[in-house]
């Protein structure tokens, strides 16, 4: 089972969180993108843009933070953090 934990933070306080599970046979990359789409739908957000910093953080630590720079529209929180907490 693949599980991705997403959290929204403002002023170092977690406002919302959600855990997305994916039991499909897709690749890890597809699971991450599909899970992120589900998170954004649940939180009523536009899908963030993966910047080079996000990609390198995610490769290194299995988690990354999306700040205002990653979103086209304005956000009312400091950042969205995603983290892979379980993989097949």
N, C-alpha and C. Protein backbone atom coordinates (compact mmCIF):
# COMPACT_ATOMS: atom_id res chain seq x y z
N UNK A 1 0.84 -1.19 0.00
CA UNK A 1 0.00 0.00 0.00
C UNK A 1 0.88 1.25 0.00
N UNK A 2 0.51 2.21 -0.80
CA UNK A 2 1.19 3.50 -0.86
C UNK A 2 0.34 4.51 -0.10
N UNK A 3 0.97 5.26 0.81
CA UNK A 3 0.24 6.29 1.55
C UNK A 3 1.02 7.60 1.54
N UNK A 4 0.30 8.68 1.26
CA UNK A 4 0.88 10.01 1.22
C UNK A 4 0.13 10.87 2.25
N UNK A 5 0.89 11.55 3.10
CA UNK A 5 0.31 12.41 4.13
C UNK A 5 0.52 13.86 3.71
N UNK A 6 -0.55 14.62 3.65
CA UNK A 6 -0.48 16.02 3.27
C UNK A 6 -0.96 16.89 4.43
N UNK A 7 -0.25 17.99 4.66
CA UNK A 7 -0.57 18.88 5.77
C UNK A 7 -0.47 20.33 5.31
N UNK A 8 -1.40 21.15 5.81
CA UNK A 8 -1.37 22.58 5.55
C UNK A 8 -0.95 23.28 6.83
N UNK A 9 0.04 24.16 6.73
CA UNK A 9 0.56 24.88 7.89
C UNK A 9 0.43 26.39 7.73
N UNK A 10 0.19 27.03 8.85
CA UNK A 10 0.24 28.49 8.92
C UNK A 10 0.78 28.87 10.29
N UNK A 11 1.78 29.73 10.31
CA UNK A 11 2.44 30.15 11.55
C UNK A 11 2.90 28.96 12.39
N UNK A 12 3.48 27.97 11.73
CA UNK A 12 4.00 26.75 12.37
C UNK A 12 2.93 25.92 13.08
N UNK A 13 1.68 26.08 12.69
CA UNK A 13 0.59 25.27 13.23
C UNK A 13 -0.08 24.53 12.08
N UNK A 14 -0.32 23.24 12.30
CA UNK A 14 -1.00 22.46 11.28
C UNK A 14 -2.48 22.79 11.30
N UNK A 15 -3.01 23.24 10.17
CA UNK A 15 -4.42 23.59 10.07
C UNK A 15 -5.27 22.41 9.62
N UNK A 16 -4.76 21.67 8.64
CA UNK A 16 -5.49 20.53 8.07
C UNK A 16 -4.49 19.45 7.72
N UNK A 17 -4.97 18.22 7.71
CA UNK A 17 -4.15 17.13 7.18
C UNK A 17 -5.06 16.06 6.62
N UNK A 18 -4.49 15.26 5.76
CA UNK A 18 -5.21 14.16 5.13
C UNK A 18 -4.20 13.11 4.71
N UNK A 19 -4.62 11.87 4.75
CA UNK A 19 -3.79 10.76 4.30
C UNK A 19 -4.48 10.10 3.11
N UNK A 20 -3.76 9.99 2.02
CA UNK A 20 -4.30 9.39 0.79
C UNK A 20 -3.64 8.02 0.60
N UNK A 21 -4.46 7.01 0.38
CA UNK A 21 -3.95 5.66 0.12
C UNK A 21 -4.16 5.31 -1.34
N UNK A 22 -3.19 4.60 -1.89
CA UNK A 22 -3.26 4.18 -3.30
C UNK A 22 -2.76 2.75 -3.39
N UNK A 23 -3.65 1.84 -3.71
CA UNK A 23 -3.28 0.44 -3.84
C UNK A 23 -3.13 -0.01 -5.28
N UNK A 24 -3.07 0.94 -6.20
CA UNK A 24 -2.98 0.59 -7.62
C UNK A 24 -1.60 0.04 -7.96
N UNK A 25 -1.47 -0.43 -9.18
CA UNK A 25 -0.19 -0.96 -9.66
C UNK A 25 0.58 0.07 -10.49
N UNK A 26 0.22 1.34 -10.35
CA UNK A 26 0.92 2.42 -11.06
C UNK A 26 2.35 2.55 -10.55
N UNK A 27 3.13 3.33 -11.26
CA UNK A 27 4.48 3.62 -10.80
C UNK A 27 4.42 4.56 -9.59
N UNK A 28 5.52 4.65 -8.88
CA UNK A 28 5.57 5.53 -7.70
C UNK A 28 5.27 6.97 -8.09
N UNK A 29 5.82 7.42 -9.20
CA UNK A 29 5.61 8.79 -9.66
C UNK A 29 4.13 9.06 -9.92
N UNK A 30 3.47 8.13 -10.60
CA UNK A 30 2.04 8.29 -10.86
C UNK A 30 1.24 8.31 -9.57
N UNK A 31 1.62 7.47 -8.61
CA UNK A 31 0.92 7.45 -7.32
C UNK A 31 1.07 8.78 -6.61
N UNK A 32 2.26 9.36 -6.65
CA UNK A 32 2.49 10.66 -6.00
C UNK A 32 1.63 11.73 -6.66
N UNK A 33 1.64 11.79 -7.98
CA UNK A 33 0.86 12.82 -8.69
C UNK A 33 -0.64 12.63 -8.49
N UNK A 34 -1.13 11.39 -8.56
CA UNK A 34 -2.55 11.14 -8.34
C UNK A 34 -2.96 11.50 -6.92
N UNK A 35 -2.12 11.15 -5.96
CA UNK A 35 -2.41 11.47 -4.56
C UNK A 35 -2.42 12.98 -4.33
N UNK A 36 -1.46 13.68 -4.93
CA UNK A 36 -1.42 15.14 -4.80
C UNK A 36 -2.67 15.77 -5.41
N UNK A 37 -3.14 15.24 -6.54
CA UNK A 37 -4.38 15.74 -7.14
C UNK A 37 -5.56 15.55 -6.20
N UNK A 38 -5.62 14.39 -5.55
CA UNK A 38 -6.71 14.12 -4.59
C UNK A 38 -6.64 15.06 -3.40
N UNK A 39 -5.44 15.32 -2.91
CA UNK A 39 -5.24 16.25 -1.80
C UNK A 39 -5.75 17.63 -2.18
N UNK A 40 -5.34 18.11 -3.33
CA UNK A 40 -5.73 19.44 -3.77
C UNK A 40 -7.24 19.54 -3.97
N UNK A 41 -7.85 18.47 -4.46
CA UNK A 41 -9.31 18.46 -4.62
C UNK A 41 -9.98 18.54 -3.25
N UNK A 42 -9.49 17.75 -2.28
CA UNK A 42 -10.07 17.75 -0.93
C UNK A 42 -9.92 19.12 -0.26
N UNK A 43 -8.77 19.77 -0.44
CA UNK A 43 -8.50 21.05 0.20
C UNK A 43 -8.95 22.23 -0.66
N UNK A 44 -9.55 21.96 -1.81
CA UNK A 44 -10.03 22.98 -2.73
C UNK A 44 -8.89 23.93 -3.14
N UNK A 45 -7.80 23.33 -3.61
CA UNK A 45 -6.62 24.07 -4.06
C UNK A 45 -6.32 23.75 -5.51
N UNK A 46 -5.65 24.68 -6.17
CA UNK A 46 -5.09 24.37 -7.47
C UNK A 46 -3.87 23.49 -7.28
N UNK A 47 -3.57 22.66 -8.25
CA UNK A 47 -2.41 21.79 -8.14
C UNK A 47 -1.13 22.61 -8.21
N UNK A 48 -0.22 22.41 -7.25
CA UNK A 48 1.02 23.20 -7.25
C UNK A 48 1.98 22.77 -8.36
N UNK A 49 2.86 23.68 -8.69
CA UNK A 49 3.89 23.43 -9.69
C UNK A 49 5.12 22.88 -8.97
N UNK A 50 5.70 21.81 -9.52
CA UNK A 50 6.90 21.21 -8.93
C UNK A 50 8.11 22.02 -9.39
N UNK A 51 8.69 22.78 -8.48
CA UNK A 51 9.92 23.52 -8.76
C UNK A 51 11.13 22.61 -8.51
N UNK A 52 12.30 23.02 -8.97
CA UNK A 52 13.51 22.20 -8.80
C UNK A 52 13.77 21.89 -7.33
N UNK A 53 13.51 22.85 -6.46
CA UNK A 53 13.70 22.64 -5.02
C UNK A 53 12.78 21.54 -4.50
N UNK A 54 11.52 21.54 -4.95
CA UNK A 54 10.58 20.50 -4.53
C UNK A 54 11.03 19.13 -4.99
N UNK A 55 11.49 19.05 -6.21
CA UNK A 55 11.92 17.76 -6.76
C UNK A 55 13.13 17.22 -6.00
N UNK A 56 14.11 18.07 -5.75
CA UNK A 56 15.31 17.59 -5.04
C UNK A 56 14.99 17.22 -3.59
N UNK A 57 14.15 18.01 -2.91
CA UNK A 57 13.74 17.66 -1.54
C UNK A 57 12.99 16.34 -1.50
N UNK A 58 12.09 16.15 -2.46
CA UNK A 58 11.29 14.93 -2.48
C UNK A 58 12.15 13.70 -2.77
N UNK A 59 13.10 13.84 -3.67
CA UNK A 59 14.00 12.72 -3.96
C UNK A 59 14.85 12.36 -2.74
N UNK A 60 15.29 13.36 -2.02
CA UNK A 60 16.18 13.16 -0.89
C UNK A 60 15.47 12.69 0.38
N UNK A 61 14.30 13.27 0.67
CA UNK A 61 13.66 13.04 1.97
C UNK A 61 12.27 12.42 1.90
N UNK A 62 11.77 12.13 0.71
CA UNK A 62 10.40 11.64 0.53
C UNK A 62 9.35 12.62 1.03
N UNK A 63 9.70 13.90 1.12
CA UNK A 63 8.73 14.92 1.46
C UNK A 63 9.18 16.26 0.90
N UNK A 64 8.23 17.16 0.72
CA UNK A 64 8.53 18.49 0.22
C UNK A 64 7.45 19.46 0.67
N UNK A 65 7.77 20.75 0.58
CA UNK A 65 6.83 21.81 0.94
C UNK A 65 6.56 22.68 -0.28
N UNK A 66 5.29 22.93 -0.52
CA UNK A 66 4.88 23.82 -1.59
C UNK A 66 4.46 25.15 -0.97
N UNK A 67 5.20 26.21 -1.27
CA UNK A 67 4.89 27.55 -0.76
C UNK A 67 4.14 28.33 -1.84
N UNK A 68 3.91 29.60 -1.58
CA UNK A 68 3.19 30.44 -2.53
C UNK A 68 3.82 30.40 -3.92
N UNK A 69 5.14 30.25 -3.99
CA UNK A 69 5.84 30.21 -5.28
C UNK A 69 5.37 29.08 -6.18
N UNK A 70 4.84 28.02 -5.59
CA UNK A 70 4.42 26.84 -6.36
C UNK A 70 2.97 26.92 -6.83
N UNK A 71 2.22 27.90 -6.33
CA UNK A 71 0.80 28.01 -6.68
C UNK A 71 0.57 29.21 -7.59
N UNK A 72 -0.31 29.03 -8.56
CA UNK A 72 -0.64 30.13 -9.47
C UNK A 72 -1.52 31.15 -8.74
N UNK A 73 -2.53 30.66 -8.02
CA UNK A 73 -3.43 31.55 -7.29
C UNK A 73 -2.87 31.81 -5.88
N UNK A 74 -3.43 32.80 -5.24
CA UNK A 74 -3.00 33.15 -3.89
C UNK A 74 -3.50 32.10 -2.89
N UNK A 75 -2.67 31.79 -1.89
CA UNK A 75 -3.05 30.82 -0.86
C UNK A 75 -3.13 31.54 0.48
N UNK A 76 -3.98 31.03 1.37
CA UNK A 76 -4.18 31.67 2.67
C UNK A 76 -3.50 30.89 3.80
N UNK A 77 -2.39 30.24 3.48
CA UNK A 77 -1.58 29.50 4.45
C UNK A 77 -0.13 29.64 4.04
N UNK A 78 0.78 29.17 4.89
CA UNK A 78 2.20 29.32 4.60
C UNK A 78 2.73 28.28 3.61
N UNK A 79 2.36 27.01 3.83
CA UNK A 79 2.81 25.98 2.90
C UNK A 79 1.99 24.71 3.03
N UNK A 80 2.03 23.92 1.95
CA UNK A 80 1.46 22.58 1.89
C UNK A 80 2.62 21.62 1.89
N UNK A 81 2.63 20.70 2.84
CA UNK A 81 3.70 19.71 2.92
C UNK A 81 3.14 18.35 2.59
N UNK A 82 3.85 17.61 1.73
CA UNK A 82 3.46 16.23 1.43
C UNK A 82 4.62 15.33 1.82
N UNK A 83 4.27 14.12 2.26
CA UNK A 83 5.28 13.15 2.69
C UNK A 83 4.77 11.74 2.41
N UNK A 84 5.63 10.94 1.81
CA UNK A 84 5.31 9.52 1.62
C UNK A 84 5.59 8.81 2.94
N UNK A 85 4.56 8.19 3.50
CA UNK A 85 4.75 7.53 4.80
C UNK A 85 4.73 6.02 4.70
N UNK A 86 4.32 5.48 3.55
CA UNK A 86 4.36 4.03 3.36
C UNK A 86 4.42 3.72 1.87
N UNK A 87 5.24 2.75 1.54
CA UNK A 87 5.34 2.30 0.16
C UNK A 87 5.30 0.78 0.11
N UNK A 88 4.88 0.26 -1.03
CA UNK A 88 4.83 -1.20 -1.23
C UNK A 88 6.21 -1.79 -1.10
